[in-house]
Amino acid sequence: MNREALLPRAALAAFFVVLLVATAAGATTSPTTYSAYNSDWDGTSALRERAETATGAEPVAVSTRAYDRADAPSTLAVVVAPSSSYTTAELATVRSFVEGGGVLVVAADVDPTAANDLLAGVGAGARLDGRPLRDERSFFRTAALPVVRDVRDDPLTRGVDELTLNHPTAVEPNGAQVLVATSGFAYLDDERNALLDLEEDMRSYPVATTERIGDGQVVTLADPSLFLNGMADRSDNAQFLDNLVTARETTILDFTHGATVPPFVVALGIVQRTPLLQALLVGAAVVAVSVWAFAPDLGARLRGRGLGSTRGRRPHRRSTVGADAASLRASLRRAHPDWDDASVERVAAVVAQRLTDARRDRGD
């Protein structure tokens, strides 16, 4: 094949490679804030990787059925910034998980409605306030990024002396035990004007609590930003995350009501939970490999039998080749009257075959 014919095919192949790579990237990553498949500063891919390394399994749950399948006493589940409320049936599933010995960590974003509904649904007393929490004395860069140093002893705070938060709110304990609290110079910005107004109370506010529910535990966090990739290197945030993902043998990262999960990950999860589908996919792969390995010229055979898209052209090609061969034999006999019939037939056959090959290369 000449160079001019190769260039368009090479360009088309390159285009399909780029398209395949782009499609794969879109199917396995997500730009959504808090997504476990977002590797930018506002994603939580580092949390997912920590949990996967610690437990040796894919931690992201694409359905609340993950709570049913989990061994509750050996599992910790983290709900990151839920944006929609769980159904009654889902709440019953999560509550059963907690009461059976599981640890549930709930961290809310700006609107704590869905998180508070979840806390109420599992029987927890703690609630998230929702108003911005600022600290005018202990902060990183601005008062909207409080550095909290009032850390109580607990397995989840082992090795943690301080945490850096990013636009948090406060936790109302309502009987829950306070794990972490701000300095006495914090306040809830009720007016949302980044100023301490006369009616706003400056004091220490809880930002993390824990409480027993049945045989399990519920941990309430006032800031899901602790899990962001961009916050992992601040203070002892990384140590706190490591404590979470190693607290139990198994970790579930529950994004079922929060950040989107890429379609490929959802599909993979379905396949992993469906043995029949696994068998069908394996069978299809075996058939495809067998066809590729043992019948590489299947397409040519089908076209030769009139089953391909060129079936209307094949008879015409054969008749043309036959006519060319007869003309060649006649010409050879005229040019070489001393040749016998066998020599004429042999040379005519070689020339006819070369003509046929040339037409095939041109796509005639």
Protein backbone atom coordinates (compact mmCIF):
# COMPACT_ATOMS: atom_id res chain seq x y z
CA MET A 1 0.00 0.00 0.00
CA ASN A 2 1.43 3.38 -0.96
CA ARG A 3 2.06 6.24 1.39
CA GLU A 4 -0.86 8.33 0.10
CA ALA A 5 -3.28 5.53 1.02
CA LEU A 6 -1.71 4.98 4.44
CA LEU A 7 -1.95 8.57 5.66
CA PRO A 8 -5.80 8.82 5.78
CA ARG A 9 -6.02 5.47 7.53
CA ALA A 10 -3.39 6.47 10.07
CA ALA A 11 -5.21 9.74 10.75
CA LEU A 12 -8.49 7.88 11.22
CA ALA A 13 -6.85 5.39 13.59
CA ALA A 14 -5.33 8.25 15.61
CA PHE A 15 -8.73 9.93 15.82
CA PHE A 16 -10.35 6.77 17.17
CA VAL A 17 -7.55 6.30 19.73
CA VAL A 18 -8.05 9.87 21.00
CA LEU A 19 -11.82 9.34 21.07
CA LEU A 20 -11.41 6.08 23.00
CA VAL A 21 -9.08 7.69 25.56
CA ALA A 22 -11.43 10.67 26.03
CA THR A 23 -14.44 8.37 26.43
CA ALA A 24 -12.61 6.20 28.96
CA ALA A 25 -11.53 9.25 30.95
CA GLY A 26 -15.07 10.61 31.01
CA ALA A 27 -16.46 7.25 32.08
CA THR A 28 -14.04 6.79 34.98
CA THR A 29 -13.56 10.31 36.36
CA SER A 30 -15.81 13.07 37.67
CA PRO A 31 -15.31 16.84 38.02
CA THR A 32 -17.93 17.05 40.78
CA THR A 33 -16.86 18.57 44.11
CA TYR A 34 -16.33 15.88 46.78
CA SER A 35 -16.35 13.11 44.15
CA ALA A 36 -14.13 10.15 44.99
CA TYR A 37 -13.12 10.10 41.30
CA ASN A 38 -12.08 13.75 41.17
CA SER A 39 -8.31 14.12 41.57
CA ASP A 40 -8.36 17.95 41.66
CA TRP A 41 -8.11 19.88 44.91
CA ASP A 42 -11.90 19.77 45.46
CA GLY A 43 -12.20 16.01 44.97
CA THR A 44 -11.85 13.18 47.48
CA SER A 45 -9.79 10.73 45.43
CA ALA A 46 -7.11 10.72 48.15
CA LEU A 47 -9.69 9.50 50.67
CA ARG A 48 -10.77 6.75 48.27
CA GLU A 49 -7.17 5.70 47.67
CA ARG A 50 -6.44 5.66 51.41
CA ALA A 51 -9.48 3.50 52.07
CA GLU A 52 -8.67 1.17 49.18
CA THR A 53 -5.09 0.76 50.38
CA ALA A 54 -6.15 0.17 53.99
CA THR A 55 -8.86 -2.37 53.25
CA GLY A 56 -7.74 -3.83 49.92
CA ALA A 57 -11.13 -3.33 48.26
CA GLU A 58 -13.04 -0.74 46.26
CA PRO A 59 -14.67 1.38 48.99
CA VAL A 60 -17.17 3.48 47.00
CA ALA A 61 -20.80 2.40 47.36
CA VAL A 62 -23.13 2.97 44.41
CA SER A 63 -26.18 1.76 46.32
CA THR A 64 -27.29 1.62 49.96
CA ARG A 65 -27.47 -2.15 49.51
CA ALA A 66 -23.78 -2.01 50.39
CA TYR A 67 -24.90 -1.62 54.03
CA ASP A 68 -26.85 -4.89 53.82
CA ARG A 69 -23.89 -6.76 52.38
CA ALA A 70 -21.40 -5.36 54.91
CA ASP A 71 -20.40 -7.08 58.14
CA ALA A 72 -21.50 -4.22 60.41
CA PRO A 73 -19.17 -4.82 63.40
CA SER A 74 -16.11 -4.65 61.12
CA THR A 75 -17.26 -1.80 58.85
CA LEU A 76 -17.05 2.01 58.95
CA ALA A 77 -19.18 4.03 56.51
CA VAL A 78 -18.57 7.66 55.57
CA VAL A 79 -21.38 9.79 54.13
CA VAL A 80 -19.82 12.80 52.40
CA ALA A 81 -21.92 15.94 51.77
CA PRO A 82 -25.30 14.36 50.98
CA SER A 83 -27.43 16.66 48.82
CA SER A 84 -30.68 14.67 48.79
CA SER A 85 -32.53 12.82 51.52
CA TYR A 86 -32.53 9.06 51.94
CA THR A 87 -35.80 7.22 51.43
CA THR A 88 -37.56 5.57 54.34
CA ALA A 89 -36.35 2.15 53.19
CA GLU A 90 -32.77 3.41 52.85
CA LEU A 91 -32.87 4.96 56.32
CA ALA A 92 -34.03 1.64 57.73
CA THR A 93 -31.09 -0.09 56.01
CA VAL A 94 -28.53 2.37 57.37
CA ARG A 95 -30.06 2.30 60.86
CA SER A 96 -29.92 -1.50 60.89
CA PHE A 97 -26.25 -1.26 59.94
CA VAL A 98 -25.48 1.12 62.83
CA GLU A 99 -27.51 -0.75 65.42
CA GLY A 100 -25.77 -3.94 64.33
CA GLY A 101 -22.37 -2.54 65.27
CA GLY A 102 -21.34 -0.37 62.33
CA VAL A 103 -19.71 3.06 62.57
CA LEU A 104 -21.40 5.81 60.55
CA VAL A 105 -19.61 9.11 59.87
CA VAL A 106 -21.80 11.93 58.54
CA ALA A 107 -20.30 15.16 57.17
CA ALA A 108 -22.56 17.87 55.74
CA ASP A 109 -21.92 20.62 53.21
CA VAL A 110 -23.55 24.08 53.10
CA ASP A 111 -27.10 22.76 53.33
CA PRO A 112 -27.30 20.22 56.19
CA THR A 113 -30.93 19.22 55.54
CA ALA A 114 -30.18 15.80 54.02
CA ALA A 115 -27.50 15.07 56.62
CA ASN A 116 -29.80 16.01 59.51
CA ASP A 117 -32.55 13.82 58.04
CA LEU A 118 -30.07 10.95 57.95
CA LEU A 119 -28.96 11.58 61.54
CA ALA A 120 -32.57 11.62 62.69
CA GLY A 121 -33.34 8.50 60.66
CA VAL A 122 -30.64 6.44 62.36
CA GLY A 123 -31.59 7.67 65.83
CA ALA A 124 -28.68 10.07 66.43
CA GLY A 125 -29.17 13.17 68.61
CA ALA A 126 -26.53 15.41 66.98
CA ARG A 127 -27.58 17.96 64.37
CA LEU A 128 -25.67 20.27 62.04
CA ASP A 129 -26.39 23.98 62.44
CA GLY A 130 -25.88 25.11 58.84
CA ARG A 131 -24.71 28.66 59.55
CA PRO A 132 -21.07 29.51 58.64
CA LEU A 133 -18.65 29.09 61.56
CA ARG A 134 -15.76 31.54 61.83
CA ASP A 135 -12.90 31.89 64.31
CA GLU A 136 -11.26 35.29 64.68
CA ARG A 137 -8.34 34.01 66.76
CA SER A 138 -7.35 30.54 65.50
CA PHE A 139 -7.44 30.21 61.72
CA PHE A 140 -5.48 29.49 58.54
CA ARG A 141 -5.36 32.54 56.23
CA THR A 142 -8.90 33.72 57.05
CA ALA A 143 -11.42 33.30 59.85
CA ALA A 144 -13.47 31.13 57.47
CA LEU A 145 -10.76 28.45 57.76
CA PRO A 146 -10.67 27.75 61.52
CA VAL A 147 -7.86 25.73 63.04
CA VAL A 148 -9.38 23.73 65.89
CA ARG A 149 -7.13 22.50 68.69
CA ASP A 150 -9.59 21.37 71.37
CA VAL A 151 -9.28 17.66 70.53
CA ARG A 152 -10.55 15.00 72.97
CA ASP A 153 -9.03 11.52 73.34
CA ASP A 154 -10.65 8.92 71.09
CA PRO A 155 -9.43 6.22 68.68
CA LEU A 156 -10.55 8.46 65.81
CA THR A 157 -8.41 11.36 67.07
CA ARG A 158 -5.30 9.34 67.87
CA GLY A 159 -2.24 11.41 66.94
CA VAL A 160 -4.37 14.44 66.08
CA ASP A 161 -3.50 17.71 67.81
CA GLU A 162 -5.38 20.05 65.48
CA LEU A 163 -7.55 20.10 62.37
CA THR A 164 -7.90 22.76 59.68
CA LEU A 165 -11.46 23.29 58.47
CA ASN A 166 -12.75 25.03 55.35
CA HIS A 167 -16.00 27.03 55.71
CA PRO A 168 -17.49 24.68 58.33
CA THR A 169 -20.64 24.94 60.35
CA ALA A 170 -21.13 23.76 63.97
CA VAL A 171 -22.55 20.59 65.50
CA GLU A 172 -25.35 20.75 68.06
CA PRO A 173 -24.48 17.74 70.29
CA ASN A 174 -27.89 17.19 71.90
CA GLY A 175 -26.34 14.64 74.23
CA ALA A 176 -23.58 13.41 71.95
CA GLN A 177 -19.99 13.44 73.18
CA VAL A 178 -17.87 16.28 71.78
CA LEU A 179 -14.71 15.07 70.00
CA VAL A 180 -13.36 18.35 68.58
CA ALA A 181 -14.26 22.00 69.31
CA THR A 182 -13.11 25.46 68.24
CA SER A 183 -11.39 28.06 70.37
CA GLY A 184 -13.46 30.42 72.50
CA PHE A 185 -13.24 33.09 69.80
CA ALA A 186 -15.50 31.41 67.24
CA TYR A 187 -18.98 32.51 66.24
CA LEU A 188 -21.78 31.50 63.90
CA ASP A 189 -22.15 34.12 61.18
CA ASP A 190 -25.92 34.41 61.26
CA GLU A 191 -25.92 37.42 58.91
CA ARG A 192 -23.42 35.75 56.56
CA ASN A 193 -21.53 39.02 56.23
CA ALA A 194 -18.14 37.73 57.46
CA LEU A 195 -18.40 40.11 60.46
CA LEU A 196 -18.98 39.57 64.17
CA ASP A 197 -22.26 41.36 64.86
CA LEU A 198 -23.56 42.30 68.32
CA GLU A 199 -26.17 39.55 68.42
CA GLU A 200 -23.72 36.81 67.41
CA ASP A 201 -22.28 34.82 70.31
CA MET A 202 -18.50 34.33 70.47
CA ARG A 203 -17.61 31.04 72.21
CA SER A 204 -16.30 27.52 71.62
CA TYR A 205 -18.42 25.43 69.23
CA PRO A 206 -18.30 21.65 68.68
CA VAL A 207 -17.29 20.57 65.17
CA ALA A 208 -17.20 16.79 65.72
CA THR A 209 -19.25 14.56 68.01
CA THR A 210 -19.71 10.86 68.63
CA GLU A 211 -22.57 8.85 70.14
CA ARG A 212 -23.61 5.24 70.62
CA ILE A 213 -26.60 3.90 68.70
CA GLY A 214 -27.39 0.29 69.55
CA ASP A 215 -24.13 -1.63 69.17
CA GLY A 216 -22.75 0.95 66.76
CA GLN A 217 -21.55 4.53 66.66
CA VAL A 218 -22.44 7.73 64.82
CA VAL A 219 -19.80 10.42 64.25
CA THR A 220 -21.04 13.84 63.11
CA LEU A 221 -18.63 16.23 61.40
CA ALA A 222 -19.30 19.91 60.74
CA ASP A 223 -17.14 20.03 57.62
CA PRO A 224 -16.79 17.55 54.72
CA SER A 225 -13.85 19.64 53.46
CA LEU A 226 -11.69 17.56 55.78
CA PHE A 227 -11.87 14.92 53.07
CA LEU A 228 -10.82 17.16 50.16
CA ASN A 229 -7.54 16.47 48.39
CA GLY A 230 -6.54 20.10 48.83
CA MET A 231 -7.00 19.96 52.62
CA ALA A 232 -5.17 16.69 53.24
CA ASP A 233 -1.82 18.34 53.91
CA ARG A 234 -3.13 20.85 56.45
CA SER A 235 -2.44 20.29 60.18
CA ASP A 236 -3.29 16.72 61.20
CA ASN A 237 -6.06 16.25 58.64
CA ALA A 238 -4.24 13.36 56.98
CA GLN A 239 -3.81 11.57 60.32
CA PHE A 240 -7.52 11.98 61.03
CA LEU A 241 -8.39 10.46 57.63
CA ASP A 242 -6.03 7.56 58.24
CA ASN A 243 -7.66 6.95 61.61
CA LEU A 244 -11.05 6.80 59.91
CA VAL A 245 -10.16 4.37 57.13
CA THR A 246 -8.22 2.06 59.47
CA ALA A 247 -10.77 2.11 62.31
CA ARG A 248 -12.43 -1.03 60.92
CA GLU A 249 -11.48 -3.81 58.52
CA THR A 250 -13.81 -2.45 55.82
CA THR A 251 -14.63 1.11 54.75
CA ILE A 252 -17.67 2.21 52.76
CA LEU A 253 -17.63 5.64 51.11
CA ASP A 254 -21.30 6.46 50.63
CA PHE A 255 -21.84 8.93 47.77
CA THR A 256 -25.27 7.55 46.89
CA HIS A 257 -26.91 10.88 47.74
CA GLY A 258 -24.01 13.20 47.04
CA ALA A 259 -21.31 13.53 44.39
CA THR A 260 -21.92 11.63 41.16
CA VAL A 261 -20.21 8.32 40.50
CA PRO A 262 -18.81 7.81 36.94
CA PRO A 263 -20.92 5.50 34.72
CA PHE A 264 -18.12 2.97 34.24
CA VAL A 265 -17.79 2.58 38.01
CA VAL A 266 -21.54 2.05 38.34
CA ALA A 267 -21.48 -0.53 35.54
CA LEU A 268 -18.51 -2.30 37.10
CA GLY A 269 -20.31 -2.45 40.42
CA ILE A 270 -23.36 -4.02 38.76
CA VAL A 271 -21.17 -6.63 37.06
CA GLN A 272 -19.37 -7.46 40.30
CA ARG A 273 -22.71 -8.08 42.05
CA THR A 274 -24.28 -10.12 39.21
CA PRO A 275 -22.71 -13.57 38.61
CA LEU A 276 -24.95 -14.26 35.59
CA LEU A 277 -23.81 -11.06 33.90
CA GLN A 278 -20.19 -11.96 34.65
CA ALA A 279 -20.69 -15.34 32.97
CA LEU A 280 -22.30 -13.73 29.90
CA LEU A 281 -19.46 -11.23 29.52
CA VAL A 282 -16.82 -13.94 29.87
CA GLY A 283 -18.63 -16.05 27.26
CA ALA A 284 -18.82 -13.13 24.85
CA ALA A 285 -15.10 -12.45 25.33
CA VAL A 286 -14.24 -16.12 24.65
CA VAL A 287 -16.31 -16.11 21.44
CA ALA A 288 -14.72 -12.86 20.26
CA VAL A 289 -11.18 -14.14 20.92
CA SER A 290 -11.96 -17.45 19.21
CA VAL A 291 -13.27 -15.71 16.09
CA TRP A 292 -10.25 -13.42 16.00
CA ALA A 293 -7.76 -16.25 16.52
CA PHE A 294 -9.25 -19.00 14.37
CA ALA A 295 -11.16 -17.18 11.65
CA PRO A 296 -9.19 -14.01 10.80
CA ASP A 297 -10.40 -14.15 7.16
CA LEU A 298 -14.06 -14.72 8.07
CA GLY A 299 -15.10 -11.43 6.52
CA ALA A 300 -13.36 -12.28 3.27
CA ARG A 301 -15.05 -15.69 3.23
CA LEU A 302 -18.47 -14.17 3.77
CA ARG A 303 -17.92 -11.67 1.00
CA GLY A 304 -16.73 -14.47 -1.27
CA ARG A 305 -20.05 -16.25 -0.69
CA GLY A 306 -22.06 -13.18 -1.54
CA LEU A 307 -22.89 -12.32 2.12
CA GLY A 308 -20.87 -9.13 2.41
CA SER A 309 -21.63 -5.61 1.34
CA THR A 310 -19.85 -6.21 -2.04
CA ARG A 311 -21.92 -9.18 -3.14
CA GLY A 312 -23.25 -7.28 -6.12
CA ARG A 313 -19.74 -6.60 -7.36
CA ARG A 314 -18.19 -10.08 -7.08
CA PRO A 315 -19.80 -11.71 -10.19
CA HIS A 316 -18.79 -8.71 -12.28
CA ARG A 317 -15.20 -9.04 -11.02
CA ARG A 318 -15.11 -12.76 -11.85
CA SER A 319 -16.45 -12.24 -15.37
CA THR A 320 -13.92 -9.48 -15.96
CA VAL A 321 -11.06 -11.66 -14.74
CA GLY A 322 -12.27 -14.51 -16.95
CA ALA A 323 -12.40 -12.23 -19.98
CA ASP A 324 -8.91 -10.91 -19.24
CA ALA A 325 -7.50 -14.44 -19.05
CA ALA A 326 -8.98 -15.40 -22.44
CA SER A 327 -7.62 -12.24 -24.04
CA LEU A 328 -4.20 -12.91 -22.54
CA ARG A 329 -4.09 -16.45 -23.91
CA ALA A 330 -5.00 -15.22 -27.39
CA SER A 331 -2.40 -12.46 -27.27
CA LEU A 332 0.29 -14.83 -26.05
CA ARG A 333 -0.43 -17.33 -28.85
CA ARG A 334 -0.15 -14.56 -31.44
CA ALA A 335 3.07 -13.21 -29.94
CA HIS A 336 4.64 -16.64 -29.33
CA PRO A 337 3.34 -19.16 -31.86
CA ASP A 338 6.18 -21.51 -30.87
CA TRP A 339 4.84 -21.89 -27.25
CA ASP A 340 2.85 -24.96 -26.38
CA ASP A 341 -0.56 -24.74 -24.68
CA ALA A 342 0.88 -25.49 -21.21
CA SER A 343 3.32 -22.55 -21.42
CA VAL A 344 0.59 -20.19 -22.62
CA GLU A 345 -1.75 -21.25 -19.80
CA ARG A 346 0.98 -20.91 -17.14
CA VAL A 347 2.04 -17.38 -18.18
CA ALA A 348 -1.58 -16.26 -18.65
CA ALA A 349 -2.45 -17.51 -15.17
CA VAL A 350 0.44 -15.58 -13.58
CA VAL A 351 -0.42 -12.33 -15.37
CA ALA A 352 -4.15 -12.71 -14.57
CA GLN A 353 -3.37 -13.27 -10.89
CA ARG A 354 -1.24 -10.12 -10.78
CA LEU A 355 -4.05 -8.11 -12.38
CA THR A 356 -6.50 -9.49 -9.83
CA ASP A 357 -4.19 -8.55 -6.93
CA ALA A 358 -3.74 -5.04 -8.30
CA ARG A 359 -7.53 -4.54 -8.56
CA ARG A 360 -8.02 -5.79 -5.00
CA ASP A 361 -5.41 -3.36 -3.63
CA ARG A 362 -7.17 -0.49 -5.40
CA GLY A 363 -10.53 -1.63 -3.99
CA ASP A 364 -12.05 -2.22 -7.45
